[in-house]
């Protein structure tokens, strides 16, 4: 059950990230109780935010 949940979440996140080469790190945290399994995937992604700065003197 855990492996299936991790696989589904990974596929969902991977489809939302345009350039897979920009993924720097993936972290998986799991908490399991008698009633549920909580899975947290954290992706660290390198992305350009397109900022421009203009300095006026």
PDB file of N, CA and C in Angstrom:
ATOM      1  N   UNK A   1       0.821  -1.192   0.000  1.00  0.00           N
ATOM      2  CA  UNK A   1       0.000   0.000   0.000  1.00  0.00           C
ATOM      3  C   UNK A   1       0.870   1.263   0.000  1.00  0.00           C
ATOM      4  N   UNK A   2       1.930   1.271   0.817  1.00  0.00           N
ATOM      5  CA  UNK A   2       2.817   2.436   0.862  1.00  0.00           C
ATOM      6  C   UNK A   2       3.498   2.654  -0.474  1.00  0.00           C
ATOM      7  N   UNK A   3       4.000   1.578  -1.056  1.00  0.00           N
ATOM      8  CA  UNK A   3       4.710   1.689  -2.333  1.00  0.00           C
ATOM      9  C   UNK A   3       3.789   2.223  -3.425  1.00  0.00           C
ATOM     10  N   UNK A   4       2.538   1.786  -3.417  1.00  0.00           N
ATOM     11  CA  UNK A   4       1.581   2.258  -4.411  1.00  0.00           C
ATOM     12  C   UNK A   4       1.305   3.753  -4.235  1.00  0.00           C
ATOM     13  N   UNK A   5       1.151   4.208  -3.005  1.00  0.00           N
ATOM     14  CA  UNK A   5       0.918   5.619  -2.733  1.00  0.00           C
ATOM     15  C   UNK A   5       2.097   6.477  -3.151  1.00  0.00           C
ATOM     16  N   UNK A   6       3.296   6.017  -2.839  1.00  0.00           N
ATOM     17  CA  UNK A   6       4.508   6.750  -3.226  1.00  0.00           C
ATOM     18  C   UNK A   6       4.618   6.826  -4.741  1.00  0.00           C
ATOM     19  N   UNK A   7       4.331   5.723  -5.412  1.00  0.00           N
ATOM     20  CA  UNK A   7       4.419   5.688  -6.872  1.00  0.00           C
ATOM     21  C   UNK A   7       3.409   6.649  -7.511  1.00  0.00           C
ATOM     22  N   UNK A   8       2.184   6.665  -7.007  1.00  0.00           N
ATOM     23  CA  UNK A   8       1.162   7.555  -7.559  1.00  0.00           C
ATOM     24  C   UNK A   8       1.522   9.026  -7.343  1.00  0.00           C
ATOM     25  N   UNK A   9       1.993   9.356  -6.145  1.00  0.00           N
ATOM     26  CA  UNK A   9       2.384  10.739  -5.861  1.00  0.00           C
ATOM     27  C   UNK A   9       3.577  11.169  -6.700  1.00  0.00           C
ATOM     28  N   UNK A  10       4.535  10.271  -6.866  1.00  0.00           N
ATOM     29  CA  UNK A  10       5.718  10.575  -7.665  1.00  0.00           C
ATOM     30  C   UNK A  10       5.332  10.849  -9.116  1.00  0.00           C
ATOM     31  N   UNK A  11       4.459  10.021  -9.676  1.00  0.00           N
ATOM     32  CA  UNK A  11       4.009  10.225 -11.055  1.00  0.00           C
ATOM     33  C   UNK A  11       3.282  11.560 -11.206  1.00  0.00           C
ATOM     34  N   UNK A  12       2.459  11.895 -10.219  1.00  0.00           N
ATOM     35  CA  UNK A  12       1.712  13.147 -10.270  1.00  0.00           C
ATOM     36  C   UNK A  12       2.653  14.355 -10.226  1.00  0.00           C
ATOM     37  N   UNK A  13       3.612  14.343  -9.310  1.00  0.00           N
ATOM     38  CA  UNK A  13       4.557  15.456  -9.215  1.00  0.00           C
ATOM     39  C   UNK A  13       5.464  15.541 -10.437  1.00  0.00           C
ATOM     40  N   UNK A  14       5.924  14.393 -10.922  1.00  0.00           N
ATOM     41  CA  UNK A  14       6.802  14.394 -12.097  1.00  0.00           C
ATOM     42  C   UNK A  14       6.095  14.981 -13.313  1.00  0.00           C
ATOM     43  N   UNK A  15       4.787  14.749 -13.439  1.00  0.00           N
ATOM     44  CA  UNK A  15       4.051  15.286 -14.586  1.00  0.00           C
ATOM     45  C   UNK A  15       3.901  16.802 -14.496  1.00  0.00           C
ATOM     46  N   UNK A  16       3.969  17.360 -13.286  1.00  0.00           N
ATOM     47  CA  UNK A  16       3.835  18.805 -13.107  1.00  0.00           C
ATOM     48  C   UNK A  16       5.159  19.550 -13.291  1.00  0.00           C
ATOM     49  N   UNK A  17       6.266  18.847 -13.230  1.00  0.00           N
ATOM     50  CA  UNK A  17       7.587  19.468 -13.380  1.00  0.00           C
ATOM     51  C   UNK A  17       8.011  19.350 -14.838  1.00  0.00           C
ATOM     52  N   UNK A  18       8.200  20.490 -15.491  1.00  0.00           N
ATOM     53  CA  UNK A  18       8.483  20.501 -16.924  1.00  0.00           C
ATOM     54  C   UNK A  18       9.839  19.880 -17.266  1.00  0.00           C
ATOM     55  N   UNK A  19      10.886  20.275 -16.571  1.00  0.00           N
ATOM     56  CA  UNK A  19      12.233  19.820 -16.895  1.00  0.00           C
ATOM     57  C   UNK A  19      12.741  18.923 -15.762  1.00  0.00           C
ATOM     58  N   UNK A  20      12.723  17.630 -15.983  1.00  0.00           N
ATOM     59  CA  UNK A  20      13.117  16.657 -14.966  1.00  0.00           C
ATOM     60  C   UNK A  20      14.575  16.817 -14.537  1.00  0.00           C
ATOM     61  N   UNK A  21      15.401  17.402 -15.408  1.00  0.00           N
ATOM     62  CA  UNK A  21      16.815  17.591 -15.089  1.00  0.00           C
ATOM     63  C   UNK A  21      17.021  18.626 -13.994  1.00  0.00           C
ATOM     64  N   UNK A  22      16.005  19.463 -13.743  1.00  0.00           N
ATOM     65  CA  UNK A  22      16.104  20.507 -12.724  1.00  0.00           C
ATOM     66  C   UNK A  22      15.785  19.999 -11.318  1.00  0.00           C
ATOM     67  N   UNK A  23      15.421  18.742 -11.178  1.00  0.00           N
ATOM     68  CA  UNK A  23      15.137  18.191  -9.852  1.00  0.00           C
ATOM     69  C   UNK A  23      16.472  17.923  -9.159  1.00  0.00           C
ATOM     70  N   UNK A  24      16.702  18.627  -8.056  1.00  0.00           N
ATOM     71  CA  UNK A  24      17.962  18.501  -7.327  1.00  0.00           C
ATOM     72  C   UNK A  24      17.907  17.407  -6.268  1.00  0.00           C
ATOM     73  N   UNK A  25      16.734  17.245  -5.634  1.00  0.00           N
ATOM     74  CA  UNK A  25      16.623  16.287  -4.534  1.00  0.00           C
ATOM     75  C   UNK A  25      15.170  15.879  -4.349  1.00  0.00           C
ATOM     76  N   UNK A  26      14.955  14.642  -3.918  1.00  0.00           N
ATOM     77  CA  UNK A  26      13.625  14.129  -3.568  1.00  0.00           C
ATOM     78  C   UNK A  26      13.705  13.543  -2.170  1.00  0.00           C
ATOM     79  N   UNK A  27      12.729  13.896  -1.327  1.00  0.00           N
ATOM     80  CA  UNK A  27      12.695  13.367   0.034  1.00  0.00           C
ATOM     81  C   UNK A  27      11.327  12.755   0.283  1.00  0.00           C
ATOM     82  N   UNK A  28      11.311  11.614   0.950  1.00  0.00           N
ATOM     83  CA  UNK A  28      10.071  10.921   1.280  1.00  0.00           C
ATOM     84  C   UNK A  28      10.006  10.755   2.789  1.00  0.00           C
ATOM     85  N   UNK A  29       8.881  11.204   3.377  1.00  0.00           N
ATOM     86  CA  UNK A  29       8.644  11.003   4.799  1.00  0.00           C
ATOM     87  C   UNK A  29       7.319  10.279   4.954  1.00  0.00           C
ATOM     88  N   UNK A  30       7.299   9.251   5.812  1.00  0.00           N
ATOM     89  CA  UNK A  30       6.076   8.479   6.026  1.00  0.00           C
ATOM     90  C   UNK A  30       5.770   8.383   7.510  1.00  0.00           C
ATOM     91  N   UNK A  31       4.496   8.559   7.835  1.00  0.00           N
ATOM     92  CA  UNK A  31       3.996   8.347   9.181  1.00  0.00           C
ATOM     93  C   UNK A  31       2.837   7.370   9.081  1.00  0.00           C
ATOM     94  N   UNK A  32       2.887   6.298   9.850  1.00  0.00           N
ATOM     95  CA  UNK A  32       1.851   5.280   9.777  1.00  0.00           C
ATOM     96  C   UNK A  32       1.208   5.096  11.146  1.00  0.00           C
ATOM     97  N   UNK A  33      -0.129   5.092  11.146  1.00  0.00           N
ATOM     98  CA  UNK A  33      -0.887   4.789  12.351  1.00  0.00           C
ATOM     99  C   UNK A  33      -1.791   3.606  12.038  1.00  0.00           C
ATOM    100  N   UNK A  34      -2.616   3.247  12.983  1.00  0.00           N
ATOM    101  CA  UNK A  34      -3.559   2.146  12.754  1.00  0.00           C
ATOM    102  C   UNK A  34      -4.631   2.523  11.741  1.00  0.00           C
ATOM    103  N   UNK A  35      -4.901   3.818  11.593  1.00  0.00           N
ATOM    104  CA  UNK A  35      -6.011   4.261  10.755  1.00  0.00           C
ATOM    105  C   UNK A  35      -5.590   4.759   9.379  1.00  0.00           C
ATOM    106  N   UNK A  36      -4.369   5.251   9.227  1.00  0.00           N
ATOM    107  CA  UNK A  36      -3.970   5.815   7.942  1.00  0.00           C
ATOM    108  C   UNK A  36      -2.452   5.815   7.789  1.00  0.00           C
ATOM    109  N   UNK A  37      -2.030   6.055   6.557  1.00  0.00           N
ATOM    110  CA  UNK A  37      -0.617   6.236   6.229  1.00  0.00           C
ATOM    111  C   UNK A  37      -0.476   7.622   5.624  1.00  0.00           C
ATOM    112  N   UNK A  38       0.399   8.426   6.184  1.00  0.00           N
ATOM    113  CA  UNK A  38       0.653   9.765   5.661  1.00  0.00           C
ATOM    114  C   UNK A  38       1.991   9.743   4.940  1.00  0.00           C
ATOM    115  N   UNK A  39       1.968  10.141   3.669  1.00  0.00           N
ATOM    116  CA  UNK A  39       3.173  10.169   2.850  1.00  0.00           C
ATOM    117  C   UNK A  39       3.409  11.595   2.399  1.00  0.00           C
ATOM    118  N   UNK A  40       4.602  12.097   2.643  1.00  0.00           N
ATOM    119  CA  UNK A  40       4.955  13.458   2.242  1.00  0.00           C
ATOM    120  C   UNK A  40       6.166  13.391   1.323  1.00  0.00           C
ATOM    121  N   UNK A  41       5.985  13.864   0.088  1.00  0.00           N
ATOM    122  CA  UNK A  41       7.084  13.934  -0.875  1.00  0.00           C
ATOM    123  C   UNK A  41       7.513  15.382  -0.991  1.00  0.00           C
ATOM    124  N   UNK A  42       8.804  15.624  -0.874  1.00  0.00           N
ATOM    125  CA  UNK A  42       9.345  16.972  -1.016  1.00  0.00           C
ATOM    126  C   UNK A  42      10.363  16.956  -2.153  1.00  0.00           C
ATOM    127  N   UNK A  43      10.135  17.810  -3.123  1.00  0.00           N
ATOM    128  CA  UNK A  43      11.044  17.931  -4.253  1.00  0.00           C
ATOM    129  C   UNK A  43      11.766  19.267  -4.152  1.00  0.00           C
ATOM    130  N   UNK A  44      13.062  19.249  -4.374  1.00  0.00           N
ATOM    131  CA  UNK A  44      13.831  20.478  -4.490  1.00  0.00           C
ATOM    132  C   UNK A  44      14.141  20.649  -5.974  1.00  0.00           C
ATOM    133  N   UNK A  45      13.599  21.732  -6.554  1.00  0.00           N
ATOM    134  CA  UNK A  45      13.686  21.936  -8.001  1.00  0.00           C
ATOM    135  C   UNK A  45      14.348  23.275  -8.290  1.00  0.00           C
ATOM    136  N   UNK A  46      15.308  23.268  -9.201  1.00  0.00           N
ATOM    137  CA  UNK A  46      15.964  24.482  -9.653  1.00  0.00           C
ATOM    138  C   UNK A  46      15.084  25.116 -10.723  1.00  0.00           C
ATOM    139  N   UNK A  47      14.724  26.367 -10.509  1.00  0.00           N
ATOM    140  CA  UNK A  47      13.823  27.018 -11.448  1.00  0.00           C
ATOM    141  C   UNK A  47      14.177  28.492 -11.583  1.00  0.00           C
ATOM    142  N   UNK A  48      14.112  28.999 -12.801  1.00  0.00           N
ATOM    143  CA  UNK A  48      14.350  30.416 -13.033  1.00  0.00           C
ATOM    144  C   UNK A  48      13.058  31.168 -12.775  1.00  0.00           C
ATOM    145  N   UNK A  49      13.149  32.251 -12.015  1.00  0.00           N
ATOM    146  CA  UNK A  49      11.950  33.021 -11.714  1.00  0.00           C
ATOM    147  C   UNK A  49      11.821  34.263 -12.581  1.00  0.00           C
ATOM    148  N   UNK A  50      12.813  34.531 -13.398  1.00  0.00           N
ATOM    149  CA  UNK A  50      12.730  35.598 -14.379  1.00  0.00           C
ATOM    150  C   UNK A  50      12.698  37.004 -13.805  1.00  0.00           C
ATOM    151  N   UNK A  51      13.544  37.275 -12.858  1.00  0.00           N
ATOM    152  CA  UNK A  51      13.561  38.621 -12.291  1.00  0.00           C
ATOM    153  C   UNK A  51      14.476  39.517 -13.114  1.00  0.00           C
ATOM    154  N   UNK A  52      14.079  40.766 -13.250  1.00  0.00           N
ATOM    155  CA  UNK A  52      14.902  41.778 -13.904  1.00  0.00           C
ATOM    156  C   UNK A  52      15.025  42.944 -12.937  1.00  0.00           C
ATOM    157  N   UNK A  53      16.201  43.441 -12.826  1.00  0.00           N
ATOM    158  CA  UNK A  53      16.419  44.592 -11.954  1.00  0.00           C
ATOM    159  C   UNK A  53      16.967  45.737 -12.795  1.00  0.00           C
ATOM    160  N   UNK A  54      16.504  46.924 -12.484  1.00  0.00           N
ATOM    161  CA  UNK A  54      16.989  48.108 -13.170  1.00  0.00           C
ATOM    162  C   UNK A  54      17.500  49.068 -12.114  1.00  0.00           C
ATOM    163  N   UNK A  55      18.743  49.458 -12.265  1.00  0.00           N
ATOM    164  CA  UNK A  55      19.354  50.385 -11.322  1.00  0.00           C
ATOM    165  C   UNK A  55      19.415  51.761 -11.973  1.00  0.00           C
ATOM    166  N   UNK A  56      18.835  52.745 -11.329  1.00  0.00           N
ATOM    167  CA  UNK A  56      18.801  54.105 -11.845  1.00  0.00           C
ATOM    168  C   UNK A  56      19.683  54.975 -10.978  1.00  0.00           C
ATOM    169  N   UNK A  57      20.601  55.750 -11.614  1.00  0.00           N
ATOM    170  CA  UNK A  57      21.472  56.660 -10.880  1.00  0.00           C
ATOM    171  C   UNK A  57      21.015  58.070 -11.059  1.00  0.00           C
TER     172      UNK A  57
END
